[in-house]
C-alpha atoms as a PDB file:
ATOM      1  CA  MET A   1       0.000   0.000   0.000  1.00  0.00           C
ATOM      2  CA  THR A   2       1.066   3.542  -0.576  1.00  0.00           C
ATOM      3  CA  ASP A   3       0.651   5.957   2.298  1.00  0.00           C
ATOM      4  CA  ARG A   4      -0.279   9.580   1.733  1.00  0.00           C
ATOM      5  CA  THR A   5       1.799  10.314   4.816  1.00  0.00           C
ATOM      6  CA  ALA A   6       4.212   7.675   5.976  1.00  0.00           C
ATOM      7  CA  PRO A   7       3.877   6.840   9.693  1.00  0.00           C
ATOM      8  CA  ALA A   8       6.886   6.155  11.862  1.00  0.00           C
ATOM      9  CA  GLU A   9       8.030   2.543  11.587  1.00  0.00           C
ATOM     10  CA  ASP A  10       6.729   1.579  15.033  1.00  0.00           C
ATOM     11  CA  ALA A  11       3.575   3.717  14.923  1.00  0.00           C
ATOM     12  CA  PRO A  12       0.243   1.933  14.517  1.00  0.00           C
ATOM     13  CA  ARG A  13      -0.915   1.970  10.927  1.00  0.00           C
ATOM     14  CA  ASP A  14      -3.954   4.120  10.178  1.00  0.00           C
ATOM     15  CA  ASP A  15      -5.660   2.265   7.317  1.00  0.00           C
ATOM     16  CA  SER A  16      -7.916   5.249   6.674  1.00  0.00           C
ATOM     17  CA  ALA A  17      -4.870   7.165   5.423  1.00  0.00           C
ATOM     18  CA  ALA A  18      -3.420   4.331   3.338  1.00  0.00           C
ATOM     19  CA  THR A  19      -4.348   4.073  -0.306  1.00  0.00           C
ATOM     20  CA  MET A  20      -3.554   1.783  -3.185  1.00  0.00           C
ATOM     21  CA  HIS A  21      -3.892   2.004  -6.921  1.00  0.00           C
ATOM     22  CA  ILE A  22      -6.242  -0.246  -8.844  1.00  0.00           C
ATOM     23  CA  GLY A  23      -3.443  -2.616  -9.895  1.00  0.00           C
ATOM     24  CA  GLU A  24      -2.471  -3.366  -6.313  1.00  0.00           C
ATOM     25  CA  LEU A  25      -6.118  -3.832  -5.354  1.00  0.00           C
ATOM     26  CA  ALA A  26      -6.625  -6.203  -8.287  1.00  0.00           C
ATOM     27  CA  GLU A  27      -3.597  -8.220  -7.223  1.00  0.00           C
ATOM     28  CA  ARG A  28      -4.710  -8.346  -3.581  1.00  0.00           C
ATOM     29  CA  THR A  29      -8.300  -9.392  -4.362  1.00  0.00           C
ATOM     30  CA  GLY A  30      -7.814 -11.503  -7.479  1.00  0.00           C
ATOM     31  CA  LEU A  31     -10.288  -9.399  -9.447  1.00  0.00           C
ATOM     32  CA  SER A  32      -9.423  -8.124 -12.886  1.00  0.00           C
ATOM     33  CA  LEU A  33      -8.822  -4.450 -13.554  1.00  0.00           C
ATOM     34  CA  ARG A  34     -11.814  -4.573 -15.887  1.00  0.00           C
ATOM     35  CA  SER A  35     -14.105  -5.889 -13.138  1.00  0.00           C
ATOM     36  CA  LEU A  36     -12.895  -3.274 -10.653  1.00  0.00           C
ATOM     37  CA  ARG A  37     -13.444  -0.482 -13.167  1.00  0.00           C
ATOM     38  CA  HIS A  38     -16.896  -1.818 -13.993  1.00  0.00           C
ATOM     39  CA  TRP A  39     -17.840  -2.122 -10.321  1.00  0.00           C
ATOM     40  CA  ASP A  40     -16.693   1.486  -9.850  1.00  0.00           C
ATOM     41  CA  GLU A  41     -18.659   2.723 -12.873  1.00  0.00           C
ATOM     42  CA  VAL A  42     -21.898   1.064 -11.700  1.00  0.00           C
ATOM     43  CA  GLY A  43     -21.408   2.225  -8.099  1.00  0.00           C
ATOM     44  CA  LEU A  44     -20.892  -1.202  -6.535  1.00  0.00           C
ATOM     45  CA  VAL A  45     -17.491  -0.262  -5.112  1.00  0.00           C
ATOM     46  CA  GLN A  46     -16.366   3.252  -5.805  1.00  0.00           C
ATOM     47  CA  ALA A  47     -12.802   4.414  -5.396  1.00  0.00           C
ATOM     48  CA  SER A  48     -12.315   6.490  -2.272  1.00  0.00           C
ATOM     49  CA  GLY A  49     -10.276   9.021  -4.171  1.00  0.00           C
ATOM     50  CA  ARG A  50      -8.316   9.921  -7.254  1.00  0.00           C
ATOM     51  CA  THR A  51      -4.788  11.039  -7.879  1.00  0.00           C
ATOM     52  CA  GLU A  52      -4.117  14.413  -9.481  1.00  0.00           C
ATOM     53  CA  GLY A  53      -3.779  12.458 -12.727  1.00  0.00           C
ATOM     54  CA  GLY A  54      -7.226  10.915 -12.301  1.00  0.00           C
ATOM     55  CA  PHE A  55      -6.143   7.412 -11.265  1.00  0.00           C
ATOM     56  CA  ARG A  56      -8.419   5.602  -8.799  1.00  0.00           C
ATOM     57  CA  LEU A  57      -7.265   5.283  -5.195  1.00  0.00           C
ATOM     58  CA  TYR A  58      -8.676   2.611  -2.895  1.00  0.00           C
ATOM     59  CA  THR A  59      -8.507   2.160   0.875  1.00  0.00           C
ATOM     60  CA  ALA A  60      -8.588  -0.865   3.159  1.00  0.00           C
ATOM     61  CA  ALA A  61     -12.334  -0.216   3.620  1.00  0.00           C
ATOM     62  CA  ASP A  62     -12.806  -0.434  -0.155  1.00  0.00           C
ATOM     63  CA  GLU A  63     -10.908  -3.730  -0.173  1.00  0.00           C
ATOM     64  CA  ARG A  64     -13.120  -5.067   2.633  1.00  0.00           C
ATOM     65  CA  ARG A  65     -16.238  -4.162   0.641  1.00  0.00           C
ATOM     66  CA  ILE A  66     -14.837  -5.902  -2.436  1.00  0.00           C
ATOM     67  CA  ARG A  67     -14.085  -9.038  -0.436  1.00  0.00           C
ATOM     68  CA  LEU A  68     -17.593  -8.932   1.038  1.00  0.00           C
ATOM     69  CA  ILE A  69     -19.121  -8.676  -2.421  1.00  0.00           C
ATOM     70  CA  MET A  70     -16.872 -11.470  -3.689  1.00  0.00           C
ATOM     71  CA  SER A  71     -18.178 -13.690  -0.875  1.00  0.00           C
ATOM     72  CA  MET A  72     -21.738 -12.987  -2.025  1.00  0.00           C
ATOM     73  CA  LYS A  73     -21.119 -13.662  -5.734  1.00  0.00           C
ATOM     74  CA  PRO A  74     -21.821 -17.430  -5.585  1.00  0.00           C
ATOM     75  CA  PHE A  75     -25.401 -16.589  -4.620  1.00  0.00           C
ATOM     76  CA  GLY A  76     -25.958 -15.204  -8.111  1.00  0.00           C
ATOM     77  CA  PHE A  77     -27.455 -11.862  -7.128  1.00  0.00           C
ATOM     78  CA  THR A  78     -27.533  -8.977  -9.591  1.00  0.00           C
ATOM     79  CA  LEU A  79     -25.045  -6.144  -9.134  1.00  0.00           C
ATOM     80  CA  GLU A  80     -27.842  -3.992  -7.733  1.00  0.00           C
ATOM     81  CA  GLU A  81     -28.780  -6.698  -5.224  1.00  0.00           C
ATOM     82  CA  LEU A  82     -25.126  -7.176  -4.265  1.00  0.00           C
ATOM     83  CA  ALA A  83     -24.822  -3.440  -3.614  1.00  0.00           C
ATOM     84  CA  GLU A  84     -28.035  -3.405  -1.579  1.00  0.00           C
ATOM     85  CA  LEU A  85     -26.978  -6.345   0.560  1.00  0.00           C
ATOM     86  CA  ALA A  86     -23.392  -5.107   1.014  1.00  0.00           C
ATOM     87  CA  THR A  87     -24.656  -1.721   2.153  1.00  0.00           C
ATOM     88  CA  ALA A  88     -27.013  -3.393   4.631  1.00  0.00           C
ATOM     89  CA  ILE A  89     -24.185  -5.558   6.011  1.00  0.00           C
ATOM     90  CA  GLU A  90     -21.897  -2.542   6.356  1.00  0.00           C
ATOM     91  CA  SER A  91     -24.677  -0.489   7.995  1.00  0.00           C
ATOM     92  CA  SER A  92     -25.558  -3.154  10.542  1.00  0.00           C
ATOM     93  CA  PRO A  93     -23.005  -5.973  10.727  1.00  0.00           C
ATOM     94  CA  THR A  94     -24.876  -7.784  13.497  1.00  0.00           C
ATOM     95  CA  ASP A  95     -28.337  -7.621  11.915  1.00  0.00           C
ATOM     96  CA  PRO A  96     -28.111  -6.470   8.293  1.00  0.00           C
ATOM     97  CA  LEU A  97     -31.620  -7.530   7.307  1.00  0.00           C
ATOM     98  CA  ALA A  98     -33.072  -5.261  10.009  1.00  0.00           C
ATOM     99  CA  VAL A  99     -32.006  -2.158   8.069  1.00  0.00           C
ATOM    100  CA  LEU A 100     -33.821  -3.278   4.921  1.00  0.00           C
ATOM    101  CA  PRO A 101     -37.518  -2.876   4.162  1.00  0.00           C
ATOM    102  CA  ALA A 102     -39.424  -5.987   5.260  1.00  0.00           C
ATOM    103  CA  ASP A 103     -40.045  -7.223   1.706  1.00  0.00           C
ATOM    104  CA  ARG A 104     -36.335  -6.940   0.810  1.00  0.00           C
ATOM    105  CA  ALA A 105     -35.260  -8.614   4.054  1.00  0.00           C
ATOM    106  CA  THR A 106     -37.634 -11.520   3.324  1.00  0.00           C
ATOM    107  CA  PHE A 107     -36.376 -11.713  -0.258  1.00  0.00           C
ATOM    108  CA  PHE A 108     -32.717 -11.924   0.788  1.00  0.00           C
ATOM    109  CA  ALA A 109     -33.334 -14.353   3.654  1.00  0.00           C
ATOM    110  CA  THR A 110     -35.383 -16.687   1.447  1.00  0.00           C
ATOM    111  CA  GLU A 111     -33.180 -16.431  -1.637  1.00  0.00           C
ATOM    112  CA  MET A 112     -29.952 -16.914   0.276  1.00  0.00           C
ATOM    113  CA  ARG A 113     -31.249 -20.093   1.920  1.00  0.00           C
ATOM    114  CA  THR A 114     -32.587 -21.460  -1.379  1.00  0.00           C
ATOM    115  CA  ARG A 115     -29.436 -20.592  -3.303  1.00  0.00           C
ATOM    116  CA  ARG A 116     -27.197 -21.925  -0.511  1.00  0.00           C
ATOM    117  CA  ASP A 117     -29.013 -25.259  -0.672  1.00  0.00           C
ATOM    118  CA  LYS A 118     -28.500 -25.346  -4.448  1.00  0.00           C
ATOM    119  CA  LEU A 119     -24.791 -24.577  -4.002  1.00  0.00           C
ATOM    120  CA  ALA A 120     -24.502 -27.331  -1.379  1.00  0.00           C
ATOM    121  CA  ALA A 121     -26.093 -29.840  -3.782  1.00  0.00           C
ATOM    122  CA  GLN A 122     -23.703 -28.771  -6.539  1.00  0.00           C
ATOM    123  CA  LEU A 123     -20.769 -29.217  -4.168  1.00  0.00           C
ATOM    124  CA  GLN A 124     -21.982 -32.711  -3.215  1.00  0.00           C
ATOM    125  CA  ASN A 125     -22.194 -33.627  -6.896  1.00  0.00           C
ATOM    126  CA  ALA A 126     -18.717 -32.236  -7.492  1.00  0.00           C
ATOM    127  CA  ASP A 127     -17.339 -34.213  -4.524  1.00  0.00           C
ATOM    128  CA  ALA A 128     -18.964 -37.406  -5.811  1.00  0.00           C
ATOM    129  CA  LEU A 129     -17.469 -36.920  -9.267  1.00  0.00           C
ATOM    130  CA  LEU A 130     -14.060 -36.092  -7.813  1.00  0.00           C
ATOM    131  CA  SER A 131     -14.164 -39.264  -5.700  1.00  0.00           C
ATOM    132  CA  ARG A 132     -15.117 -41.315  -8.732  1.00  0.00           C
ATOM    133  CA  VAL A 133     -12.336 -39.841 -10.870  1.00  0.00           C
ATOM    134  CA  SER A 134      -9.748 -40.006  -8.076  1.00  0.00           C
ATOM    135  CA  ALA A 135     -10.546 -43.655  -7.404  1.00  0.00           C
ATOM    136  CA  ASN A 136      -9.477 -44.588 -10.950  1.00  0.00           C
ATOM    137  CA  PRO A 137      -6.100 -42.937 -11.697  1.00  0.00           C
END
């Protein structure tokens, strides 16, 4: 990470002051530059700042949001739904559905359970196939 102001070596690091360029963020998260730019353009994860030259600058909080969204991707939600759910989780980490309107909270609770069950079944099928293939080298 690149610091706007470098702290003393033994001083605690203030992540709110640390920034990174999009390339470093892509490397740290495993997302492509294209995906990060797209997510920024659609408002899913916006850069916290820009350099004088216009390059995106991201913070540790931006990276945490990206990792949160990446953890939600297997559920197959739209980008808008991912943004809605991520914002709810960030707003109320202990009870994110409480900050949503009742119909949206019900939607997410129901869909996440249904989609999780589907993912679990897919994983079981993958494990069974892997066992079958691994048994016959």
